[in-house]
Amino acid sequence: MVNTTARAKRRYDLAAPRWGDKMRTLGYYEGYLGFLSSPQRYTDRNMHVVDVGAGTASFAEAWVAIKGPPRELTLLEPSRPMLERGQAALRARGVEPKLVQALLGETDLKPADEVLAAHVIEHCADPLTALRQIHDLLRPGGRLHLVVSKPHWCNAIIWLQWRHRTFRKEEILALVSKAGFGVEQVYSFPSGPPSRTSCGIVAIRKG
């Protein structure tokens, strides 16, 4: 997850030791496995995958579990403790990720074939700008696997701590389209907290 304030970064640093376990306990890692297992095109392993706002890399870890190790895996995350825990989780799966400690839009990366972004843009000052920055990370024809927060009373509780946005389905689809993507799939998480808090989208960069 990403936020632009130094105060928020410190909060993520403090949360890092428990974050990965929390993602599993609440069912988000399992939810990401289901999302990435849903019917999609065949994925070649000879690709560069970037996890934007990676946190402790639960989404990237799920990618490796379902798709196998990519040629290159980059974790983009402003919190060093989060990055280090993500690195440890991926090393346990035999993958050595590239770590980039920065906010989205603050650094130049090699073009990506696939971008993962779970609960990121709702923490950005301008979600459309964030989506356009993700668009620019991708090569033409590359895919975005996006998970965003949706309106639900569970997210009202989460908002008290993180002050994030939520998006109605038609709202996020319009933003994704306006950022230059074509939507390929909308995924509904089937159970647990992710079913109440999250919506998944697979989108392709048009040009």
N, C-alpha and C. Protein backbone atom coordinates (compact mmCIF):
# COMPACT_ATOMS: atom_id res chain seq x y z
N MET A 1 0.83 -1.18 0.00
CA MET A 1 0.00 0.00 0.00
C MET A 1 0.88 1.25 0.00
N VAL A 2 0.32 2.34 -0.48
CA VAL A 2 1.12 3.53 -0.64
C VAL A 2 0.38 4.75 -0.10
N ASN A 3 1.09 5.65 0.55
CA ASN A 3 0.54 6.94 0.91
C ASN A 3 1.66 7.96 0.74
N THR A 4 1.31 9.21 0.50
CA THR A 4 2.32 10.20 0.16
C THR A 4 2.90 10.92 1.36
N THR A 5 2.42 10.69 2.56
CA THR A 5 2.90 11.44 3.71
C THR A 5 3.94 10.65 4.48
N ALA A 6 4.90 11.37 5.07
CA ALA A 6 5.93 10.74 5.89
C ALA A 6 5.32 10.05 7.11
N ARG A 7 4.26 10.66 7.65
CA ARG A 7 3.60 10.06 8.81
C ARG A 7 3.02 8.69 8.46
N ALA A 8 2.38 8.61 7.30
CA ALA A 8 1.80 7.34 6.88
C ALA A 8 2.88 6.30 6.66
N LYS A 9 4.01 6.73 6.08
CA LYS A 9 5.12 5.80 5.86
C LYS A 9 5.60 5.21 7.18
N ARG A 10 5.72 6.04 8.19
CA ARG A 10 6.14 5.54 9.50
C ARG A 10 5.14 4.52 10.05
N ARG A 11 3.87 4.74 9.79
CA ARG A 11 2.85 3.80 10.26
C ARG A 11 2.99 2.46 9.54
N TYR A 12 3.30 2.50 8.25
CA TYR A 12 3.53 1.24 7.53
C TYR A 12 4.79 0.55 8.03
N ASP A 13 5.83 1.33 8.34
CA ASP A 13 7.05 0.74 8.90
C ASP A 13 6.73 -0.01 10.19
N LEU A 14 5.93 0.61 11.05
CA LEU A 14 5.58 0.00 12.33
C LEU A 14 4.69 -1.23 12.15
N ALA A 15 3.85 -1.20 11.13
CA ALA A 15 2.93 -2.32 10.89
C ALA A 15 3.60 -3.51 10.22
N ALA A 16 4.76 -3.29 9.60
CA ALA A 16 5.40 -4.31 8.76
C ALA A 16 5.60 -5.66 9.45
N PRO A 17 6.06 -5.73 10.71
CA PRO A 17 6.31 -7.05 11.30
C PRO A 17 5.10 -7.97 11.35
N ARG A 18 3.90 -7.40 11.43
CA ARG A 18 2.68 -8.21 11.54
C ARG A 18 1.87 -8.27 10.25
N TRP A 19 2.32 -7.53 9.24
CA TRP A 19 1.48 -7.33 8.05
C TRP A 19 1.23 -8.63 7.28
N GLY A 20 2.30 -9.39 7.00
CA GLY A 20 2.12 -10.61 6.23
C GLY A 20 1.19 -11.59 6.90
N ASP A 21 1.37 -11.79 8.21
CA ASP A 21 0.49 -12.70 8.95
C ASP A 21 -0.95 -12.20 8.93
N LYS A 22 -1.11 -10.88 9.02
CA LYS A 22 -2.46 -10.30 9.00
C LYS A 22 -3.13 -10.55 7.66
N MET A 23 -2.38 -10.42 6.57
CA MET A 23 -2.94 -10.66 5.24
C MET A 23 -3.44 -12.10 5.11
N ARG A 24 -2.72 -13.03 5.70
CA ARG A 24 -3.16 -14.43 5.66
C ARG A 24 -4.34 -14.68 6.58
N THR A 25 -4.27 -14.15 7.78
CA THR A 25 -5.36 -14.37 8.74
C THR A 25 -6.69 -13.84 8.22
N LEU A 26 -6.67 -12.69 7.56
CA LEU A 26 -7.90 -12.09 7.03
C LEU A 26 -8.31 -12.65 5.67
N GLY A 27 -7.49 -13.51 5.10
CA GLY A 27 -7.87 -14.18 3.86
C GLY A 27 -7.46 -13.48 2.59
N TYR A 28 -6.61 -12.43 2.70
CA TYR A 28 -6.25 -11.69 1.48
C TYR A 28 -5.27 -12.47 0.61
N TYR A 29 -4.32 -13.17 1.21
CA TYR A 29 -3.41 -13.98 0.40
C TYR A 29 -4.19 -15.06 -0.36
N GLU A 30 -5.09 -15.74 0.33
CA GLU A 30 -5.92 -16.75 -0.32
C GLU A 30 -6.80 -16.11 -1.40
N GLY A 31 -7.29 -14.90 -1.12
CA GLY A 31 -8.09 -14.19 -2.12
C GLY A 31 -7.29 -13.86 -3.36
N TYR A 32 -6.02 -13.45 -3.19
CA TYR A 32 -5.17 -13.16 -4.33
C TYR A 32 -4.90 -14.43 -5.14
N LEU A 33 -4.73 -15.56 -4.45
CA LEU A 33 -4.55 -16.83 -5.16
C LEU A 33 -5.75 -17.11 -6.05
N GLY A 34 -6.96 -16.90 -5.51
CA GLY A 34 -8.17 -17.14 -6.30
C GLY A 34 -8.27 -16.19 -7.48
N PHE A 35 -7.96 -14.93 -7.26
CA PHE A 35 -8.01 -13.93 -8.32
C PHE A 35 -7.06 -14.30 -9.46
N LEU A 36 -5.85 -14.68 -9.12
CA LEU A 36 -4.85 -15.01 -10.14
C LEU A 36 -5.10 -16.38 -10.78
N SER A 37 -5.94 -17.20 -10.13
CA SER A 37 -6.29 -18.51 -10.69
C SER A 37 -7.51 -18.46 -11.59
N SER A 38 -8.23 -17.35 -11.58
CA SER A 38 -9.45 -17.25 -12.37
C SER A 38 -9.10 -17.28 -13.86
N PRO A 39 -10.06 -17.67 -14.72
CA PRO A 39 -9.75 -17.85 -16.14
C PRO A 39 -9.14 -16.60 -16.78
N GLN A 40 -7.93 -16.75 -17.25
CA GLN A 40 -7.21 -15.68 -17.91
C GLN A 40 -6.33 -16.31 -18.98
N ARG A 41 -5.68 -15.47 -19.76
CA ARG A 41 -4.79 -15.97 -20.79
C ARG A 41 -3.59 -16.68 -20.17
N TYR A 42 -2.93 -17.51 -20.97
CA TYR A 42 -1.69 -18.15 -20.53
C TYR A 42 -0.63 -17.09 -20.25
N THR A 43 0.11 -17.29 -19.18
CA THR A 43 1.14 -16.33 -18.81
C THR A 43 2.52 -16.94 -19.02
N ASP A 44 3.31 -16.31 -19.86
CA ASP A 44 4.69 -16.73 -20.10
C ASP A 44 5.54 -16.31 -18.91
N ARG A 45 6.45 -17.17 -18.48
CA ARG A 45 7.31 -16.83 -17.35
C ARG A 45 8.44 -15.88 -17.76
N ASN A 46 8.69 -15.72 -19.03
CA ASN A 46 9.77 -14.85 -19.48
C ASN A 46 9.28 -13.40 -19.52
N MET A 47 9.01 -12.87 -18.35
CA MET A 47 8.44 -11.54 -18.30
C MET A 47 8.91 -10.80 -17.05
N HIS A 48 8.70 -9.50 -17.08
CA HIS A 48 9.02 -8.63 -15.94
C HIS A 48 7.71 -8.27 -15.25
N VAL A 49 7.60 -8.62 -13.98
CA VAL A 49 6.41 -8.35 -13.18
C VAL A 49 6.77 -7.32 -12.12
N VAL A 50 5.95 -6.29 -11.97
CA VAL A 50 6.16 -5.25 -10.95
C VAL A 50 4.97 -5.27 -9.99
N ASP A 51 5.26 -5.37 -8.71
CA ASP A 51 4.23 -5.26 -7.67
C ASP A 51 4.31 -3.85 -7.10
N VAL A 52 3.31 -3.04 -7.42
CA VAL A 52 3.29 -1.63 -7.02
C VAL A 52 2.65 -1.49 -5.64
N GLY A 53 3.32 -0.77 -4.75
CA GLY A 53 2.81 -0.68 -3.38
C GLY A 53 2.76 -2.05 -2.77
N ALA A 54 3.89 -2.77 -2.87
CA ALA A 54 3.92 -4.21 -2.63
C ALA A 54 3.63 -4.61 -1.19
N GLY A 55 3.85 -3.70 -0.23
CA GLY A 55 3.72 -4.12 1.16
C GLY A 55 4.70 -5.25 1.44
N THR A 56 4.24 -6.32 2.06
CA THR A 56 5.09 -7.47 2.32
C THR A 56 4.99 -8.51 1.21
N ALA A 57 4.53 -8.07 0.04
CA ALA A 57 4.57 -8.87 -1.20
C ALA A 57 3.59 -10.04 -1.22
N SER A 58 2.46 -9.92 -0.53
CA SER A 58 1.47 -11.00 -0.57
C SER A 58 0.95 -11.25 -1.99
N PHE A 59 0.72 -10.17 -2.75
CA PHE A 59 0.21 -10.33 -4.11
C PHE A 59 1.28 -10.96 -5.00
N ALA A 60 2.53 -10.49 -4.86
CA ALA A 60 3.62 -11.06 -5.65
C ALA A 60 3.86 -12.52 -5.28
N GLU A 61 3.75 -12.82 -4.00
CA GLU A 61 3.93 -14.20 -3.56
C GLU A 61 2.84 -15.10 -4.14
N ALA A 62 1.61 -14.60 -4.17
CA ALA A 62 0.52 -15.36 -4.80
C ALA A 62 0.78 -15.56 -6.29
N TRP A 63 1.32 -14.53 -6.96
CA TRP A 63 1.66 -14.66 -8.38
C TRP A 63 2.64 -15.82 -8.59
N VAL A 64 3.69 -15.85 -7.79
CA VAL A 64 4.69 -16.91 -7.94
C VAL A 64 4.08 -18.28 -7.67
N ALA A 65 3.21 -18.37 -6.67
CA ALA A 65 2.57 -19.65 -6.35
C ALA A 65 1.69 -20.15 -7.48
N ILE A 66 1.01 -19.24 -8.18
CA ILE A 66 0.07 -19.63 -9.23
C ILE A 66 0.73 -19.68 -10.60
N LYS A 67 1.52 -18.67 -10.94
CA LYS A 67 2.08 -18.53 -12.29
C LYS A 67 3.50 -19.07 -12.42
N GLY A 68 4.19 -19.21 -11.29
CA GLY A 68 5.59 -19.58 -11.32
C GLY A 68 6.47 -18.34 -11.31
N PRO A 69 7.77 -18.51 -11.04
CA PRO A 69 8.67 -17.36 -10.97
C PRO A 69 8.82 -16.68 -12.33
N PRO A 70 8.66 -15.37 -12.40
CA PRO A 70 8.89 -14.66 -13.66
C PRO A 70 10.40 -14.44 -13.87
N ARG A 71 10.75 -14.01 -15.04
CA ARG A 71 12.16 -13.69 -15.32
C ARG A 71 12.69 -12.65 -14.35
N GLU A 72 11.87 -11.64 -14.08
CA GLU A 72 12.26 -10.57 -13.16
C GLU A 72 11.04 -10.12 -12.39
N LEU A 73 11.22 -9.92 -11.07
CA LEU A 73 10.13 -9.48 -10.21
C LEU A 73 10.61 -8.28 -9.41
N THR A 74 9.92 -7.16 -9.56
CA THR A 74 10.28 -5.92 -8.87
C THR A 74 9.22 -5.56 -7.85
N LEU A 75 9.65 -5.25 -6.64
CA LEU A 75 8.75 -4.77 -5.59
C LEU A 75 8.96 -3.27 -5.45
N LEU A 76 7.92 -2.50 -5.67
CA LEU A 76 7.95 -1.04 -5.52
C LEU A 76 7.16 -0.68 -4.28
N GLU A 77 7.83 -0.10 -3.28
CA GLU A 77 7.20 0.11 -1.98
C GLU A 77 8.02 1.15 -1.21
N PRO A 78 7.37 2.16 -0.59
CA PRO A 78 8.13 3.18 0.13
C PRO A 78 8.67 2.74 1.49
N SER A 79 8.13 1.67 2.07
CA SER A 79 8.53 1.24 3.41
C SER A 79 9.63 0.18 3.32
N ARG A 80 10.81 0.48 3.83
CA ARG A 80 11.91 -0.48 3.82
C ARG A 80 11.58 -1.74 4.62
N PRO A 81 11.00 -1.65 5.83
CA PRO A 81 10.65 -2.88 6.55
C PRO A 81 9.66 -3.76 5.78
N MET A 82 8.70 -3.15 5.10
CA MET A 82 7.78 -3.94 4.27
C MET A 82 8.55 -4.65 3.16
N LEU A 83 9.43 -3.93 2.48
CA LEU A 83 10.22 -4.53 1.40
C LEU A 83 11.04 -5.71 1.90
N GLU A 84 11.67 -5.56 3.03
CA GLU A 84 12.53 -6.62 3.56
C GLU A 84 11.73 -7.87 3.89
N ARG A 85 10.52 -7.70 4.38
CA ARG A 85 9.69 -8.87 4.67
C ARG A 85 9.15 -9.50 3.40
N GLY A 86 8.85 -8.66 2.41
CA GLY A 86 8.46 -9.20 1.12
C GLY A 86 9.59 -9.98 0.47
N GLN A 87 10.78 -9.45 0.58
CA GLN A 87 11.96 -10.13 0.04
C GLN A 87 12.13 -11.50 0.70
N ALA A 88 11.99 -11.57 2.02
CA ALA A 88 12.14 -12.83 2.73
C ALA A 88 11.08 -13.85 2.30
N ALA A 89 9.84 -13.38 2.12
CA ALA A 89 8.77 -14.29 1.71
C ALA A 89 9.04 -14.87 0.31
N LEU A 90 9.53 -14.03 -0.59
CA LEU A 90 9.80 -14.50 -1.95
C LEU A 90 11.05 -15.37 -2.01
N ARG A 91 12.05 -15.03 -1.21
CA ARG A 91 13.23 -15.89 -1.16
C ARG A 91 12.87 -17.30 -0.70
N ALA A 92 11.90 -17.41 0.19
CA ALA A 92 11.45 -18.73 0.64
C ALA A 92 10.85 -19.54 -0.49
N ARG A 93 10.43 -18.85 -1.55
CA ARG A 93 9.91 -19.53 -2.74
C ARG A 93 10.95 -19.61 -3.85
N GLY A 94 12.19 -19.28 -3.54
CA GLY A 94 13.26 -19.39 -4.51
C GLY A 94 13.34 -18.24 -5.49
N VAL A 95 12.74 -17.10 -5.14
CA VAL A 95 12.73 -15.94 -6.02
C VAL A 95 13.48 -14.79 -5.34
N GLU A 96 14.37 -14.14 -6.08
CA GLU A 96 15.11 -12.99 -5.57
C GLU A 96 14.54 -11.73 -6.23
N PRO A 97 13.70 -10.97 -5.53
CA PRO A 97 13.09 -9.80 -6.15
C PRO A 97 14.05 -8.61 -6.17
N LYS A 98 13.80 -7.71 -7.10
CA LYS A 98 14.48 -6.42 -7.08
C LYS A 98 13.67 -5.49 -6.19
N LEU A 99 14.33 -4.83 -5.25
CA LEU A 99 13.65 -3.95 -4.30
C LEU A 99 13.84 -2.50 -4.72
N VAL A 100 12.74 -1.77 -4.82
CA VAL A 100 12.79 -0.34 -5.14
C VAL A 100 11.99 0.39 -4.08
N GLN A 101 12.70 1.13 -3.22
CA GLN A 101 12.04 1.86 -2.15
C GLN A 101 11.67 3.24 -2.67
N ALA A 102 10.42 3.38 -3.08
CA ALA A 102 9.95 4.64 -3.66
C ALA A 102 8.43 4.59 -3.76
N LEU A 103 7.84 5.77 -3.92
CA LEU A 103 6.42 5.87 -4.24
C LEU A 103 6.21 5.72 -5.73
N LEU A 104 5.04 5.32 -6.10
CA LEU A 104 4.65 5.29 -7.50
C LEU A 104 4.84 6.68 -8.10
N GLY A 105 5.53 6.75 -9.24
CA GLY A 105 5.77 8.01 -9.92
C GLY A 105 7.06 8.69 -9.53
N GLU A 106 7.77 8.13 -8.53
CA GLU A 106 9.01 8.75 -8.06
C GLU A 106 10.27 8.17 -8.69
N THR A 107 10.14 7.07 -9.43
CA THR A 107 11.31 6.40 -9.96
C THR A 107 11.00 5.83 -11.34
N ASP A 108 12.04 5.65 -12.15
CA ASP A 108 11.89 5.04 -13.47
C ASP A 108 12.24 3.56 -13.38
N LEU A 109 11.37 2.73 -13.92
CA LEU A 109 11.58 1.29 -13.95
C LEU A 109 11.59 0.80 -15.39
N LYS A 110 12.21 -0.36 -15.60
CA LYS A 110 12.14 -0.98 -16.91
C LYS A 110 10.68 -1.31 -17.23
N PRO A 111 10.29 -1.27 -18.51
CA PRO A 111 8.90 -1.59 -18.86
C PRO A 111 8.50 -2.96 -18.32
N ALA A 112 7.30 -3.04 -17.79
CA ALA A 112 6.79 -4.27 -17.20
C ALA A 112 5.83 -4.95 -18.17
N ASP A 113 5.79 -6.28 -18.10
CA ASP A 113 4.79 -7.05 -18.85
C ASP A 113 3.50 -7.19 -18.06
N GLU A 114 3.64 -7.25 -16.73
CA GLU A 114 2.48 -7.38 -15.85
C GLU A 114 2.72 -6.49 -14.62
N VAL A 115 1.69 -5.78 -14.20
CA VAL A 115 1.76 -4.99 -12.97
C VAL A 115 0.70 -5.50 -12.01
N LEU A 116 1.11 -5.70 -10.76
CA LEU A 116 0.20 -6.05 -9.68
C LEU A 116 0.02 -4.82 -8.80
N ALA A 117 -1.21 -4.53 -8.43
CA ALA A 117 -1.47 -3.35 -7.59
C ALA A 117 -2.68 -3.65 -6.71
N ALA A 118 -2.43 -4.03 -5.48
CA ALA A 118 -3.51 -4.39 -4.56
C ALA A 118 -3.66 -3.31 -3.49
N HIS A 119 -4.82 -2.67 -3.47
CA HIS A 119 -5.14 -1.65 -2.46
C HIS A 119 -4.06 -0.57 -2.43
N VAL A 120 -3.83 0.00 -3.59
CA VAL A 120 -2.80 1.03 -3.76
C VAL A 120 -3.42 2.37 -4.12
N ILE A 121 -4.20 2.42 -5.21
CA ILE A 121 -4.63 3.72 -5.73
C ILE A 121 -5.58 4.44 -4.78
N GLU A 122 -6.26 3.69 -3.90
CA GLU A 122 -7.16 4.35 -2.96
C GLU A 122 -6.40 5.12 -1.88
N HIS A 123 -5.08 4.93 -1.82
CA HIS A 123 -4.25 5.67 -0.87
C HIS A 123 -3.47 6.79 -1.55
N CYS A 124 -3.68 6.98 -2.84
CA CYS A 124 -2.96 8.01 -3.60
C CYS A 124 -3.79 9.30 -3.66
N ALA A 125 -3.09 10.43 -3.74
CA ALA A 125 -3.78 11.72 -3.76
C ALA A 125 -4.73 11.84 -4.94
N ASP A 126 -4.32 11.31 -6.08
CA ASP A 126 -5.14 11.37 -7.29
C ASP A 126 -5.15 9.98 -7.93
N PRO A 127 -6.21 9.19 -7.73
CA PRO A 127 -6.24 7.83 -8.26
C PRO A 127 -6.08 7.75 -9.78
N LEU A 128 -6.62 8.71 -10.52
CA LEU A 128 -6.48 8.68 -11.97
C LEU A 128 -5.01 8.88 -12.36
N THR A 129 -4.33 9.80 -11.71
CA THR A 129 -2.90 9.99 -11.98
C THR A 129 -2.13 8.71 -11.65
N ALA A 130 -2.48 8.07 -10.55
CA ALA A 130 -1.81 6.82 -10.17
C ALA A 130 -2.01 5.75 -11.25
N LEU A 131 -3.24 5.63 -11.76
CA LEU A 131 -3.51 4.65 -12.81
C LEU A 131 -2.74 4.99 -14.08
N ARG A 132 -2.62 6.26 -14.41
CA ARG A 132 -1.85 6.66 -15.58
C ARG A 132 -0.37 6.36 -15.39
N GLN A 133 0.13 6.52 -14.17
CA GLN A 133 1.53 6.18 -13.90
C GLN A 133 1.75 4.67 -14.03
N ILE A 134 0.78 3.88 -13.58
CA ILE A 134 0.86 2.43 -13.77
C ILE A 134 0.81 2.09 -15.25
N HIS A 135 -0.06 2.77 -15.99
CA HIS A 135 -0.14 2.59 -17.45
C HIS A 135 1.23 2.80 -18.08
N ASP A 136 1.95 3.84 -17.62
CA ASP A 136 3.25 4.15 -18.20
C ASP A 136 4.33 3.14 -17.80
N LEU A 137 4.10 2.39 -16.71
CA LEU A 137 5.03 1.34 -16.32
C LEU A 137 4.97 0.14 -17.26
N LEU A 138 3.83 -0.04 -17.90
CA LEU A 138 3.58 -1.23 -18.71
C LEU A 138 4.01 -1.02 -20.16
N ARG A 139 4.49 -2.08 -20.77
CA ARG A 139 4.68 -2.06 -22.22
C ARG A 139 3.30 -2.11 -22.88
N PRO A 140 3.18 -1.65 -24.14
CA PRO A 140 1.89 -1.78 -24.84
C PRO A 140 1.44 -3.24 -24.88
N GLY A 141 0.21 -3.48 -24.50
CA GLY A 141 -0.30 -4.84 -24.44
C GLY A 141 -0.10 -5.50 -23.09
N GLY A 142 0.64 -4.83 -22.19
CA GLY A 142 0.85 -5.38 -20.87
C GLY A 142 -0.40 -5.31 -20.02
N ARG A 143 -0.44 -6.09 -18.96
CA ARG A 143 -1.65 -6.20 -18.15
C ARG A 143 -1.47 -5.70 -16.73
N LEU A 144 -2.55 -5.11 -16.24
CA LEU A 144 -2.66 -4.66 -14.86
C LEU A 144 -3.61 -5.59 -14.12
N HIS A 145 -3.17 -6.09 -12.98
CA HIS A 145 -4.02 -6.86 -12.07
C HIS A 145 -4.26 -5.97 -10.86
N LEU A 146 -5.44 -5.41 -10.79
CA LEU A 146 -5.76 -4.35 -9.84
C LEU A 146 -6.78 -4.86 -8.82
N VAL A 147 -6.51 -4.58 -7.55
CA VAL A 147 -7.48 -4.83 -6.48
C VAL A 147 -7.73 -3.51 -5.78
N VAL A 148 -9.00 -3.12 -5.68
CA VAL A 148 -9.35 -1.85 -5.04
C VAL A 148 -10.41 -2.07 -3.97
N SER A 149 -10.52 -1.11 -3.08
CA SER A 149 -11.52 -1.15 -2.02
C SER A 149 -12.88 -0.71 -2.55
N LYS A 150 -13.92 -1.39 -2.10
CA LYS A 150 -15.28 -1.04 -2.51
C LYS A 150 -16.10 -0.64 -1.29
N PRO A 151 -17.19 0.08 -1.48
CA PRO A 151 -17.98 0.53 -0.33
C PRO A 151 -18.54 -0.64 0.48
N HIS A 152 -18.30 -0.62 1.78
CA HIS A 152 -18.83 -1.62 2.71
C HIS A 152 -18.52 -1.13 4.11
N TRP A 153 -19.31 -1.51 5.08
CA TRP A 153 -19.05 -1.02 6.43
C TRP A 153 -17.70 -1.48 6.95
N CYS A 154 -17.18 -2.62 6.46
CA CYS A 154 -15.83 -3.05 6.88
C CYS A 154 -14.78 -2.02 6.47
N ASN A 155 -14.96 -1.44 5.28
CA ASN A 155 -14.01 -0.42 4.85
C ASN A 155 -14.17 0.88 5.65
N ALA A 156 -15.35 1.10 6.18
CA ALA A 156 -15.52 2.28 7.06
C ALA A 156 -14.66 2.14 8.30
N ILE A 157 -14.54 0.92 8.82
CA ILE A 157 -13.69 0.67 9.97
C ILE A 157 -12.22 0.85 9.60
N ILE A 158 -11.83 0.30 8.44
CA ILE A 158 -10.44 0.43 7.98
C ILE A 158 -10.09 1.90 7.75
N TRP A 159 -11.07 2.68 7.25
CA TRP A 159 -10.83 4.10 6.98
C TRP A 159 -10.39 4.86 8.23
N LEU A 160 -10.87 4.45 9.38
CA LEU A 160 -10.51 5.14 10.62
C LEU A 160 -9.01 5.13 10.85
N GLN A 161 -8.33 4.09 10.36
CA GLN A 161 -6.88 4.00 10.53
C GLN A 161 -6.12 4.54 9.34
N TRP A 162 -6.60 4.24 8.10
CA TRP A 162 -5.79 4.50 6.91
C TRP A 162 -6.31 5.62 6.03
N ARG A 163 -7.53 6.09 6.25
CA ARG A 163 -8.09 7.22 5.49
C ARG A 163 -8.03 6.97 3.97
N HIS A 164 -8.43 5.79 3.56
CA HIS A 164 -8.39 5.42 2.14
C HIS A 164 -9.74 5.69 1.47
N ARG A 165 -9.74 5.65 0.15
CA ARG A 165 -10.97 5.79 -0.63
C ARG A 165 -11.59 4.42 -0.87
N THR A 166 -12.85 4.44 -1.28
CA THR A 166 -13.48 3.26 -1.85
C THR A 166 -14.08 3.65 -3.20
N PHE A 167 -14.28 2.66 -4.05
CA PHE A 167 -14.78 2.92 -5.41
C PHE A 167 -15.96 2.00 -5.72
N ARG A 168 -17.05 2.59 -6.20
CA ARG A 168 -18.11 1.78 -6.78
C ARG A 168 -17.59 1.16 -8.08
N LYS A 169 -18.17 0.04 -8.48
CA LYS A 169 -17.65 -0.68 -9.65
C LYS A 169 -17.65 0.20 -10.89
N GLU A 170 -18.74 0.92 -11.13
CA GLU A 170 -18.79 1.75 -12.34
C GLU A 170 -17.78 2.89 -12.27
N GLU A 171 -17.48 3.35 -11.05
CA GLU A 171 -16.52 4.44 -10.88
C GLU A 171 -15.10 3.98 -11.20
N ILE A 172 -14.69 2.82 -10.67
CA ILE A 172 -13.33 2.37 -10.91
C ILE A 172 -13.16 1.93 -12.36
N LEU A 173 -14.19 1.35 -12.96
CA LEU A 173 -14.08 0.96 -14.36
C LEU A 173 -13.92 2.18 -15.26
N ALA A 174 -14.60 3.26 -14.92
CA ALA A 174 -14.45 4.50 -15.69
C ALA A 174 -13.04 5.06 -15.55
N LEU A 175 -12.48 5.03 -14.35
CA LEU A 175 -11.12 5.52 -14.13
C LEU A 175 -10.10 4.68 -14.88
N VAL A 176 -10.25 3.37 -14.83
CA VAL A 176 -9.32 2.47 -15.53
C VAL A 176 -9.36 2.74 -17.03
N SER A 177 -10.56 2.92 -17.57
CA SER A 177 -10.70 3.22 -19.00
C SER A 177 -10.09 4.58 -19.34
N LYS A 178 -10.34 5.57 -18.51
CA LYS A 178 -9.81 6.91 -18.76
C LYS A 178 -8.29 6.95 -18.70
N ALA A 179 -7.70 6.05 -17.93
CA ALA A 179 -6.24 5.98 -17.81
C ALA A 179 -5.58 5.29 -19.00
N GLY A 180 -6.39 4.75 -19.92
CA GLY A 180 -5.82 4.15 -21.13
C GLY A 180 -5.82 2.64 -21.16
N PHE A 181 -6.67 2.03 -20.34
CA PHE A 181 -6.75 0.57 -20.29
C PHE A 181 -8.05 0.07 -20.90
N GLY A 182 -8.02 -1.14 -21.39
CA GLY A 182 -9.21 -1.87 -21.74
C GLY A 182 -9.47 -2.94 -20.69
N VAL A 183 -10.66 -3.00 -20.14
CA VAL A 183 -10.97 -3.95 -19.08
C VAL A 183 -11.23 -5.32 -19.67
N GLU A 184 -10.50 -6.32 -19.18
CA GLU A 184 -10.68 -7.70 -19.64
C GLU A 184 -11.55 -8.52 -18.69
N GLN A 185 -11.48 -8.23 -17.40
CA GLN A 185 -12.18 -9.05 -16.43
C GLN A 185 -12.47 -8.25 -15.17
N VAL A 186 -13.63 -8.46 -14.60
CA VAL A 186 -13.97 -7.96 -13.27
C VAL A 186 -14.18 -9.18 -12.39
N TYR A 187 -13.47 -9.21 -11.27
CA TYR A 187 -13.47 -10.40 -10.41
C TYR A 187 -14.12 -10.08 -9.07
N SER A 188 -15.02 -10.94 -8.65
CA SER A 188 -15.64 -10.81 -7.33
C SER A 188 -15.02 -11.84 -6.39
N PHE A 189 -14.42 -11.37 -5.33
CA PHE A 189 -13.85 -12.29 -4.35
C PHE A 189 -14.98 -13.06 -3.68
N PRO A 190 -14.86 -14.38 -3.58
CA PRO A 190 -16.02 -15.19 -3.20
C PRO A 190 -16.32 -15.27 -1.71
N SER A 191 -15.33 -15.00 -0.84
CA SER A 191 -15.57 -15.26 0.58
C SER A 191 -14.65 -14.43 1.45
N GLY A 192 -14.97 -14.42 2.75
CA GLY A 192 -14.12 -13.77 3.74
C GLY A 192 -14.10 -12.26 3.60
N PRO A 193 -13.24 -11.59 4.38
CA PRO A 193 -13.13 -10.13 4.29
C PRO A 193 -12.90 -9.60 2.88
N PRO A 194 -12.09 -10.27 2.02
CA PRO A 194 -11.93 -9.72 0.66
C PRO A 194 -13.25 -9.60 -0.10
N SER A 195 -14.20 -10.51 0.16
CA SER A 195 -15.49 -10.44 -0.55
C SER A 195 -16.26 -9.19 -0.17
N ARG A 196 -16.00 -8.67 1.02
CA ARG A 196 -16.72 -7.50 1.50
C ARG A 196 -15.98 -6.19 1.22
N THR A 197 -14.67 -6.26 1.10
CA THR A 197 -13.88 -5.04 0.99
C THR A 197 -13.28 -4.78 -0.38
N SER A 198 -13.24 -5.78 -1.26
CA SER A 198 -12.37 -5.68 -2.44
C SER A 198 -13.05 -6.07 -3.74
N CYS A 199 -12.55 -5.48 -4.82
CA CYS A 199 -12.96 -5.82 -6.18
C CYS A 199 -11.69 -5.99 -7.01
N GLY A 200 -11.66 -7.01 -7.85
CA GLY A 200 -10.50 -7.27 -8.70
C GLY A 200 -10.79 -6.93 -10.15
N ILE A 201 -9.79 -6.39 -10.83
CA ILE A 201 -9.92 -6.01 -12.25
C ILE A 201 -8.64 -6.42 -12.98
N VAL A 202 -8.80 -7.03 -14.14
CA VAL A 202 -7.68 -7.26 -15.04
C VAL A 202 -7.88 -6.35 -16.25
N ALA A 203 -6.87 -5.56 -16.57
CA ALA A 203 -6.98 -4.58 -17.66
C ALA A 203 -5.70 -4.61 -18.50
N ILE A 204 -5.83 -4.29 -19.76
CA ILE A 204 -4.72 -4.30 -20.69
C ILE A 204 -4.40 -2.88 -21.15
N ARG A 205 -3.11 -2.55 -21.21
CA ARG A 205 -2.71 -1.24 -21.74
C ARG A 205 -2.96 -1.21 -23.24
N LYS A 206 -3.72 -0.23 -23.68
CA LYS A 206 -4.10 -0.16 -25.08
C LYS A 206 -2.96 0.32 -25.99
N GLY A 207 -2.19 1.29 -25.54
CA GLY A 207 -1.17 1.82 -26.44
C GLY A 207 -0.09 2.55 -25.68
